[in-house]
Amino acid sequence: MNGLSDVRLTLHSQELAAGQNNGAHRSVMRNAPMGLSRWALFWQRLHTRQALLRLTPEQLKDVGLTREQAREEGLKPFWRI
């Protein structure tokens, strides 16, 4: 057991499980404005992706995207990152 007691192993496994749960939440909330709930994040993604589809070529050039890149991102479902 390399000197680890059962208690230490249990605590370590709990820390790992908590870290995995936090990591999953962080991946869902990646690039999200602070304080948004999951549903608010979904609405935010839906509206910003729809707005992306309406950008003019000049606006796309300003943000550094091609029409294809904007279309690909804009057509993603709101639940995808």
PDB file of N, CA and C in Angstrom:
ATOM      1  N   MET A   1       0.814  -1.206   0.000  1.00  0.00           N
ATOM      2  CA  MET A   1       0.000   0.000   0.000  1.00  0.00           C
ATOM      3  C   MET A   1       0.848   1.257   0.000  1.00  0.00           C
ATOM      4  N   ASN A   2       2.135   1.138  -0.055  1.00  0.00           N
ATOM      5  CA  ASN A   2       3.036   2.280  -0.118  1.00  0.00           C
ATOM      6  C   ASN A   2       2.852   3.256   1.040  1.00  0.00           C
ATOM      7  N   GLY A   3       2.460   2.764   2.199  1.00  0.00           N
ATOM      8  CA  GLY A   3       2.358   3.612   3.372  1.00  0.00           C
ATOM      9  C   GLY A   3       1.079   4.434   3.467  1.00  0.00           C
ATOM     10  N   LEU A   4       0.192   4.312   2.500  1.00  0.00           N
ATOM     11  CA  LEU A   4      -1.061   5.061   2.580  1.00  0.00           C
ATOM     12  C   LEU A   4      -2.076   4.258   3.375  1.00  0.00           C
ATOM     13  N   SER A   5      -2.676   4.890   4.338  1.00  0.00           N
ATOM     14  CA  SER A   5      -3.694   4.201   5.118  1.00  0.00           C
ATOM     15  C   SER A   5      -5.014   4.215   4.363  1.00  0.00           C
ATOM     16  N   ASP A   6      -5.965   3.400   4.821  1.00  0.00           N
ATOM     17  CA  ASP A   6      -7.280   3.369   4.200  1.00  0.00           C
ATOM     18  C   ASP A   6      -7.959   4.727   4.268  1.00  0.00           C
ATOM     19  N   VAL A   7      -7.735   5.453   5.370  1.00  0.00           N
ATOM     20  CA  VAL A   7      -8.347   6.774   5.525  1.00  0.00           C
ATOM     21  C   VAL A   7      -7.799   7.729   4.479  1.00  0.00           C
ATOM     22  N   ARG A   8      -6.508   7.714   4.302  1.00  0.00           N
ATOM     23  CA  ARG A   8      -5.899   8.605   3.309  1.00  0.00           C
ATOM     24  C   ARG A   8      -6.352   8.232   1.913  1.00  0.00           C
ATOM     25  N   LEU A   9      -6.472   6.952   1.626  1.00  0.00           N
ATOM     26  CA  LEU A   9      -6.952   6.529   0.310  1.00  0.00           C
ATOM     27  C   LEU A   9      -8.395   6.987   0.077  1.00  0.00           C
ATOM     28  N   THR A  10      -9.228   6.874   1.102  1.00  0.00           N
ATOM     29  CA  THR A  10     -10.617   7.307   0.989  1.00  0.00           C
ATOM     30  C   THR A  10     -10.690   8.807   0.750  1.00  0.00           C
ATOM     31  N   LEU A  11      -9.918   9.579   1.528  1.00  0.00           N
ATOM     32  CA  LEU A  11      -9.919  11.033   1.353  1.00  0.00           C
ATOM     33  C   LEU A  11      -9.409  11.417  -0.030  1.00  0.00           C
ATOM     34  N   HIS A  12      -8.374  10.745  -0.482  1.00  0.00           N
ATOM     35  CA  HIS A  12      -7.821  11.032  -1.801  1.00  0.00           C
ATOM     36  C   HIS A  12      -8.842  10.730  -2.893  1.00  0.00           C
ATOM     37  N   SER A  13      -9.562   9.622  -2.779  1.00  0.00           N
ATOM     38  CA  SER A  13     -10.565   9.288  -3.790  1.00  0.00           C
ATOM     39  C   SER A  13     -11.707  10.298  -3.783  1.00  0.00           C
ATOM     40  N   GLN A  14     -12.076  10.822  -2.605  1.00  0.00           N
ATOM     41  CA  GLN A  14     -13.114  11.851  -2.520  1.00  0.00           C
ATOM     42  C   GLN A  14     -12.643  13.148  -3.179  1.00  0.00           C
ATOM     43  N   GLU A  15     -11.385  13.498  -2.980  1.00  0.00           N
ATOM     44  CA  GLU A  15     -10.840  14.693  -3.617  1.00  0.00           C
ATOM     45  C   GLU A  15     -10.826  14.537  -5.130  1.00  0.00           C
ATOM     46  N   LEU A  16     -10.454  13.352  -5.596  1.00  0.00           N
ATOM     47  CA  LEU A  16     -10.455  13.109  -7.038  1.00  0.00           C
ATOM     48  C   LEU A  16     -11.866  13.199  -7.615  1.00  0.00           C
ATOM     49  N   ALA A  17     -12.824  12.618  -6.930  1.00  0.00           N
ATOM     50  CA  ALA A  17     -14.209  12.668  -7.404  1.00  0.00           C
ATOM     51  C   ALA A  17     -14.712  14.108  -7.431  1.00  0.00           C
ATOM     52  N   ALA A  18     -14.403  14.885  -6.408  1.00  0.00           N
ATOM     53  CA  ALA A  18     -14.829  16.290  -6.372  1.00  0.00           C
ATOM     54  C   ALA A  18     -14.165  17.069  -7.505  1.00  0.00           C
ATOM     55  N   GLY A  19     -12.916  16.784  -7.773  1.00  0.00           N
ATOM     56  CA  GLY A  19     -12.208  17.447  -8.866  1.00  0.00           C
ATOM     57  C   GLY A  19     -12.796  17.121 -10.217  1.00  0.00           C
ATOM     58  N   GLN A  20     -13.234  15.882 -10.412  1.00  0.00           N
ATOM     59  CA  GLN A  20     -13.848  15.498 -11.676  1.00  0.00           C
ATOM     60  C   GLN A  20     -15.186  16.194 -11.850  1.00  0.00           C
ATOM     61  N   ASN A  21     -15.969  16.301 -10.784  1.00  0.00           N
ATOM     62  CA  ASN A  21     -17.255  16.993 -10.876  1.00  0.00           C
ATOM     63  C   ASN A  21     -17.043  18.466 -11.188  1.00  0.00           C
ATOM     64  N   ASN A  22     -16.082  19.103 -10.530  1.00  0.00           N
ATOM     65  CA  ASN A  22     -15.795  20.512 -10.807  1.00  0.00           C
ATOM     66  C   ASN A  22     -15.287  20.691 -12.223  1.00  0.00           C
ATOM     67  N   GLY A  23     -14.482  19.764 -12.701  1.00  0.00           N
ATOM     68  CA  GLY A  23     -13.968  19.850 -14.064  1.00  0.00           C
ATOM     69  C   GLY A  23     -15.072  19.743 -15.093  1.00  0.00           C
ATOM     70  N   ALA A  24     -16.049  18.885 -14.846  1.00  0.00           N
ATOM     71  CA  ALA A  24     -17.167  18.746 -15.775  1.00  0.00           C
ATOM     72  C   ALA A  24     -17.985  20.029 -15.794  1.00  0.00           C
ATOM     73  N   HIS A  25     -18.228  20.608 -14.629  1.00  0.00           N
ATOM     74  CA  HIS A  25     -18.988  21.859 -14.563  1.00  0.00           C
ATOM     75  C   HIS A  25     -18.221  22.973 -15.251  1.00  0.00           C
ATOM     76  N   ARG A  26     -16.903  23.026 -15.032  1.00  0.00           N
ATOM     77  CA  ARG A  26     -16.091  24.064 -15.661  1.00  0.00           C
ATOM     78  C   ARG A  26     -16.100  23.928 -17.170  1.00  0.00           C
ATOM     79  N   SER A  27     -16.100  22.696 -17.702  1.00  0.00           N
ATOM     80  CA  SER A  27     -16.102  22.537 -19.147  1.00  0.00           C
ATOM     81  C   SER A  27     -17.414  23.013 -19.749  1.00  0.00           C
ATOM     82  N   VAL A  28     -18.524  22.812 -19.039  1.00  0.00           N
ATOM     83  CA  VAL A  28     -19.817  23.294 -19.520  1.00  0.00           C
ATOM     84  C   VAL A  28     -19.868  24.811 -19.460  1.00  0.00           C
ATOM     85  N   MET A  29     -19.299  25.393 -18.410  1.00  0.00           N
ATOM     86  CA  MET A  29     -19.379  26.833 -18.197  1.00  0.00           C
ATOM     87  C   MET A  29     -18.185  27.583 -18.803  1.00  0.00           C
ATOM     88  N   ARG A  30     -17.386  26.896 -19.597  1.00  0.00           N
ATOM     89  CA  ARG A  30     -16.204  27.519 -20.195  1.00  0.00           C
ATOM     90  C   ARG A  30     -16.601  28.759 -20.995  1.00  0.00           C
ATOM     91  N   ASN A  31     -15.863  29.821 -20.836  1.00  0.00           N
ATOM     92  CA  ASN A  31     -16.071  31.085 -21.534  1.00  0.00           C
ATOM     93  C   ASN A  31     -17.415  31.726 -21.226  1.00  0.00           C
ATOM     94  N   ALA A  32     -18.047  31.343 -20.153  1.00  0.00           N
ATOM     95  CA  ALA A  32     -19.342  31.910 -19.790  1.00  0.00           C
ATOM     96  C   ALA A  32     -19.137  33.139 -18.916  1.00  0.00           C
ATOM     97  N   PRO A  33     -19.975  34.144 -19.093  1.00  0.00           N
ATOM     98  CA  PRO A  33     -19.914  35.280 -18.170  1.00  0.00           C
ATOM     99  C   PRO A  33     -20.181  34.809 -16.741  1.00  0.00           C
ATOM    100  N   MET A  34     -19.587  35.480 -15.782  1.00  0.00           N
ATOM    101  CA  MET A  34     -19.721  35.087 -14.377  1.00  0.00           C
ATOM    102  C   MET A  34     -21.179  35.190 -13.928  1.00  0.00           C
ATOM    103  N   GLY A  35     -21.594  34.252 -13.093  1.00  0.00           N
ATOM    104  CA  GLY A  35     -22.905  34.311 -12.471  1.00  0.00           C
ATOM    105  C   GLY A  35     -24.046  33.726 -13.273  1.00  0.00           C
ATOM    106  N   LEU A  36     -23.760  33.137 -14.422  1.00  0.00           N
ATOM    107  CA  LEU A  36     -24.842  32.563 -15.219  1.00  0.00           C
ATOM    108  C   LEU A  36     -25.171  31.155 -14.744  1.00  0.00           C
ATOM    109  N   SER A  37     -26.450  30.848 -14.696  1.00  0.00           N
ATOM    110  CA  SER A  37     -26.862  29.474 -14.434  1.00  0.00           C
ATOM    111  C   SER A  37     -26.685  28.681 -15.733  1.00  0.00           C
ATOM    112  N   ARG A  38     -26.863  27.399 -15.654  1.00  0.00           N
ATOM    113  CA  ARG A  38     -26.723  26.572 -16.853  1.00  0.00           C
ATOM    114  C   ARG A  38     -27.740  26.974 -17.920  1.00  0.00           C
ATOM    115  N   TRP A  39     -29.007  27.233 -17.502  1.00  0.00           N
ATOM    116  CA  TRP A  39     -30.036  27.617 -18.478  1.00  0.00           C
ATOM    117  C   TRP A  39     -29.762  28.996 -19.056  1.00  0.00           C
ATOM    118  N   ALA A  40     -29.268  29.909 -18.231  1.00  0.00           N
ATOM    119  CA  ALA A  40     -28.914  31.239 -18.738  1.00  0.00           C
ATOM    120  C   ALA A  40     -27.767  31.134 -19.733  1.00  0.00           C
ATOM    121  N   LEU A  41     -26.831  30.234 -19.476  1.00  0.00           N
ATOM    122  CA  LEU A  41     -25.739  30.004 -20.411  1.00  0.00           C
ATOM    123  C   LEU A  41     -26.280  29.475 -21.735  1.00  0.00           C
ATOM    124  N   PHE A  42     -27.232  28.557 -21.686  1.00  0.00           N
ATOM    125  CA  PHE A  42     -27.825  28.029 -22.913  1.00  0.00           C
ATOM    126  C   PHE A  42     -28.507  29.135 -23.711  1.00  0.00           C
ATOM    127  N   TRP A  43     -29.264  30.005 -23.033  1.00  0.00           N
ATOM    128  CA  TRP A  43     -29.923  31.128 -23.717  1.00  0.00           C
ATOM    129  C   TRP A  43     -28.894  32.082 -24.304  1.00  0.00           C
ATOM    130  N   GLN A  44     -27.824  32.346 -23.544  1.00  0.00           N
ATOM    131  CA  GLN A  44     -26.782  33.237 -24.023  1.00  0.00           C
ATOM    132  C   GLN A  44     -26.131  32.668 -25.282  1.00  0.00           C
ATOM    133  N   ARG A  45     -25.841  31.374 -25.270  1.00  0.00           N
ATOM    134  CA  ARG A  45     -25.249  30.744 -26.454  1.00  0.00           C
ATOM    135  C   ARG A  45     -26.194  30.810 -27.645  1.00  0.00           C
ATOM    136  N   LEU A  46     -27.463  30.520 -27.417  1.00  0.00           N
ATOM    137  CA  LEU A  46     -28.452  30.553 -28.488  1.00  0.00           C
ATOM    138  C   LEU A  46     -28.504  31.927 -29.142  1.00  0.00           C
ATOM    139  N   HIS A  47     -28.589  32.968 -28.335  1.00  0.00           N
ATOM    140  CA  HIS A  47     -28.710  34.322 -28.877  1.00  0.00           C
ATOM    141  C   HIS A  47     -27.425  34.818 -29.530  1.00  0.00           C
ATOM    142  N   THR A  48     -26.282  34.515 -28.943  1.00  0.00           N
ATOM    143  CA  THR A  48     -25.031  34.969 -29.553  1.00  0.00           C
ATOM    144  C   THR A  48     -24.735  34.214 -30.834  1.00  0.00           C
ATOM    145  N   ARG A  49     -25.105  32.951 -30.896  1.00  0.00           N
ATOM    146  CA  ARG A  49     -24.893  32.199 -32.135  1.00  0.00           C
ATOM    147  C   ARG A  49     -25.822  32.677 -33.236  1.00  0.00           C
ATOM    148  N   GLN A  50     -27.045  33.042 -32.883  1.00  0.00           N
ATOM    149  CA  GLN A  50     -27.957  33.607 -33.880  1.00  0.00           C
ATOM    150  C   GLN A  50     -27.431  34.953 -34.377  1.00  0.00           C
ATOM    151  N   ALA A  51     -26.887  35.756 -33.466  1.00  0.00           N
ATOM    152  CA  ALA A  51     -26.324  37.051 -33.853  1.00  0.00           C
ATOM    153  C   ALA A  51     -25.114  36.863 -34.760  1.00  0.00           C
ATOM    154  N   LEU A  52     -24.341  35.845 -34.512  1.00  0.00           N
ATOM    155  CA  LEU A  52     -23.173  35.561 -35.341  1.00  0.00           C
ATOM    156  C   LEU A  52     -23.572  35.296 -36.786  1.00  0.00           C
ATOM    157  N   LEU A  53     -24.697  34.637 -36.981  1.00  0.00           N
ATOM    158  CA  LEU A  53     -25.179  34.344 -38.333  1.00  0.00           C
ATOM    159  C   LEU A  53     -25.626  35.612 -39.067  1.00  0.00           C
ATOM    160  N   ARG A  54     -25.953  36.664 -38.328  1.00  0.00           N
ATOM    161  CA  ARG A  54     -26.443  37.899 -38.940  1.00  0.00           C
ATOM    162  C   ARG A  54     -25.347  38.934 -39.195  1.00  0.00           C
ATOM    163  N   LEU A  55     -24.099  38.628 -38.841  1.00  0.00           N
ATOM    164  CA  LEU A  55     -23.022  39.599 -39.031  1.00  0.00           C
ATOM    165  C   LEU A  55     -22.730  39.827 -40.509  1.00  0.00           C
ATOM    166  N   THR A  56     -22.394  41.062 -40.826  1.00  0.00           N
ATOM    167  CA  THR A  56     -22.023  41.418 -42.197  1.00  0.00           C
ATOM    168  C   THR A  56     -20.575  40.975 -42.448  1.00  0.00           C
ATOM    169  N   PRO A  57     -20.173  40.908 -43.715  1.00  0.00           N
ATOM    170  CA  PRO A  57     -18.774  40.550 -44.004  1.00  0.00           C
ATOM    171  C   PRO A  57     -17.761  41.480 -43.322  1.00  0.00           C
ATOM    172  N   GLU A  58     -18.088  42.762 -43.224  1.00  0.00           N
ATOM    173  CA  GLU A  58     -17.180  43.707 -42.562  1.00  0.00           C
ATOM    174  C   GLU A  58     -17.064  43.406 -41.069  1.00  0.00           C
ATOM    175  N   GLN A  59     -18.182  43.094 -40.444  1.00  0.00           N
ATOM    176  CA  GLN A  59     -18.161  42.757 -39.018  1.00  0.00           C
ATOM    177  C   GLN A  59     -17.399  41.458 -38.771  1.00  0.00           C
ATOM    178  N   LEU A  60     -17.577  40.486 -39.649  1.00  0.00           N
ATOM    179  CA  LEU A  60     -16.832  39.227 -39.509  1.00  0.00           C
ATOM    180  C   LEU A  60     -15.334  39.473 -39.647  1.00  0.00           C
ATOM    181  N   LYS A  61     -14.970  40.345 -40.564  1.00  0.00           N
ATOM    182  CA  LYS A  61     -13.557  40.671 -40.734  1.00  0.00           C
ATOM    183  C   LYS A  61     -13.005  41.327 -39.464  1.00  0.00           C
ATOM    184  N   ASP A  62     -13.821  42.180 -38.824  1.00  0.00           N
ATOM    185  CA  ASP A  62     -13.392  42.845 -37.588  1.00  0.00           C
ATOM    186  C   ASP A  62     -13.104  41.844 -36.472  1.00  0.00           C
ATOM    187  N   VAL A  63     -13.905  40.773 -36.385  1.00  0.00           N
ATOM    188  CA  VAL A  63     -13.685  39.787 -35.328  1.00  0.00           C
ATOM    189  C   VAL A  63     -12.763  38.661 -35.774  1.00  0.00           C
ATOM    190  N   GLY A  64     -12.342  38.686 -37.030  1.00  0.00           N
ATOM    191  CA  GLY A  64     -11.361  37.715 -37.518  1.00  0.00           C
ATOM    192  C   GLY A  64     -11.931  36.356 -37.864  1.00  0.00           C
ATOM    193  N   LEU A  65     -13.176  36.334 -38.344  1.00  0.00           N
ATOM    194  CA  LEU A  65     -13.802  35.074 -38.734  1.00  0.00           C
ATOM    195  C   LEU A  65     -14.174  35.092 -40.206  1.00  0.00           C
ATOM    196  N   THR A  66     -14.133  33.936 -40.815  1.00  0.00           N
ATOM    197  CA  THR A  66     -14.646  33.797 -42.177  1.00  0.00           C
ATOM    198  C   THR A  66     -16.133  33.492 -42.095  1.00  0.00           C
ATOM    199  N   ARG A  67     -16.819  33.617 -43.196  1.00  0.00           N
ATOM    200  CA  ARG A  67     -18.251  33.303 -43.234  1.00  0.00           C
ATOM    201  C   ARG A  67     -18.472  31.832 -42.867  1.00  0.00           C
ATOM    202  N   GLU A  68     -17.590  30.947 -43.330  1.00  0.00           N
ATOM    203  CA  GLU A  68     -17.724  29.521 -43.023  1.00  0.00           C
ATOM    204  C   GLU A  68     -17.555  29.243 -41.531  1.00  0.00           C
ATOM    205  N   GLN A  69     -16.576  29.895 -40.910  1.00  0.00           N
ATOM    206  CA  GLN A  69     -16.363  29.715 -39.468  1.00  0.00           C
ATOM    207  C   GLN A  69     -17.568  30.219 -38.676  1.00  0.00           C
ATOM    208  N   ALA A  70     -18.093  31.368 -39.075  1.00  0.00           N
ATOM    209  CA  ALA A  70     -19.255  31.932 -38.388  1.00  0.00           C
ATOM    210  C   ALA A  70     -20.470  31.024 -38.571  1.00  0.00           C
ATOM    211  N   ARG A  71     -20.643  30.500 -39.763  1.00  0.00           N
ATOM    212  CA  ARG A  71     -21.775  29.611 -40.035  1.00  0.00           C
ATOM    213  C   ARG A  71     -21.654  28.322 -39.225  1.00  0.00           C
ATOM    214  N   GLU A  72     -20.444  27.765 -39.181  1.00  0.00           N
ATOM    215  CA  GLU A  72     -20.223  26.531 -38.414  1.00  0.00           C
ATOM    216  C   GLU A  72     -20.546  26.737 -36.935  1.00  0.00           C
ATOM    217  N   GLU A  73     -20.072  27.845 -36.361  1.00  0.00           N
ATOM    218  CA  GLU A  73     -20.341  28.130 -34.946  1.00  0.00           C
ATOM    219  C   GLU A  73     -21.805  28.507 -34.733  1.00  0.00           C
ATOM    220  N   GLY A  74     -22.358  29.274 -35.635  1.00  0.00           N
ATOM    221  CA  GLY A  74     -23.725  29.744 -35.487  1.00  0.00           C
ATOM    222  C   GLY A  74     -24.769  28.651 -35.593  1.00  0.00           C
ATOM    223  N   LEU A  75     -24.453  27.591 -36.302  1.00  0.00           N
ATOM    224  CA  LEU A  75     -25.403  26.495 -36.477  1.00  0.00           C
ATOM    225  C   LEU A  75     -25.269  25.396 -35.423  1.00  0.00           C
ATOM    226  N   LYS A  76     -24.315  25.550 -34.523  1.00  0.00           N
ATOM    227  CA  LYS A  76     -24.176  24.568 -33.438  1.00  0.00           C
ATOM    228  C   LYS A  76     -25.399  24.636 -32.533  1.00  0.00           C
ATOM    229  N   PRO A  77     -25.847  23.504 -32.005  1.00  0.00           N
ATOM    230  CA  PRO A  77     -26.925  23.531 -31.017  1.00  0.00           C
ATOM    231  C   PRO A  77     -26.450  24.263 -29.750  1.00  0.00           C
ATOM    232  N   PHE A  78     -27.381  24.871 -29.031  1.00  0.00           N
ATOM    233  CA  PHE A  78     -27.014  25.674 -27.870  1.00  0.00           C
ATOM    234  C   PHE A  78     -26.367  24.865 -26.756  1.00  0.00           C
ATOM    235  N   TRP A  79     -26.574  23.562 -26.746  1.00  0.00           N
ATOM    236  CA  TRP A  79     -26.012  22.749 -25.655  1.00  0.00           C
ATOM    237  C   TRP A  79     -24.571  22.330 -25.933  1.00  0.00           C
ATOM    238  N   ARG A  80     -24.069  22.578 -27.122  1.00  0.00           N
ATOM    239  CA  ARG A  80     -22.683  22.234 -27.437  1.00  0.00           C
ATOM    240  C   ARG A  80     -21.761  23.412 -27.165  1.00  0.00           C
ATOM    241  N   ILE A  81     -20.559  23.084 -26.729  1.00  0.00           N
ATOM    242  CA  ILE A  81     -19.549  24.119 -26.451  1.00  0.00           C
ATOM    243  C   ILE A  81     -18.859  24.491 -27.736  1.00  0.00           C
TER     244      ILE A  81
END
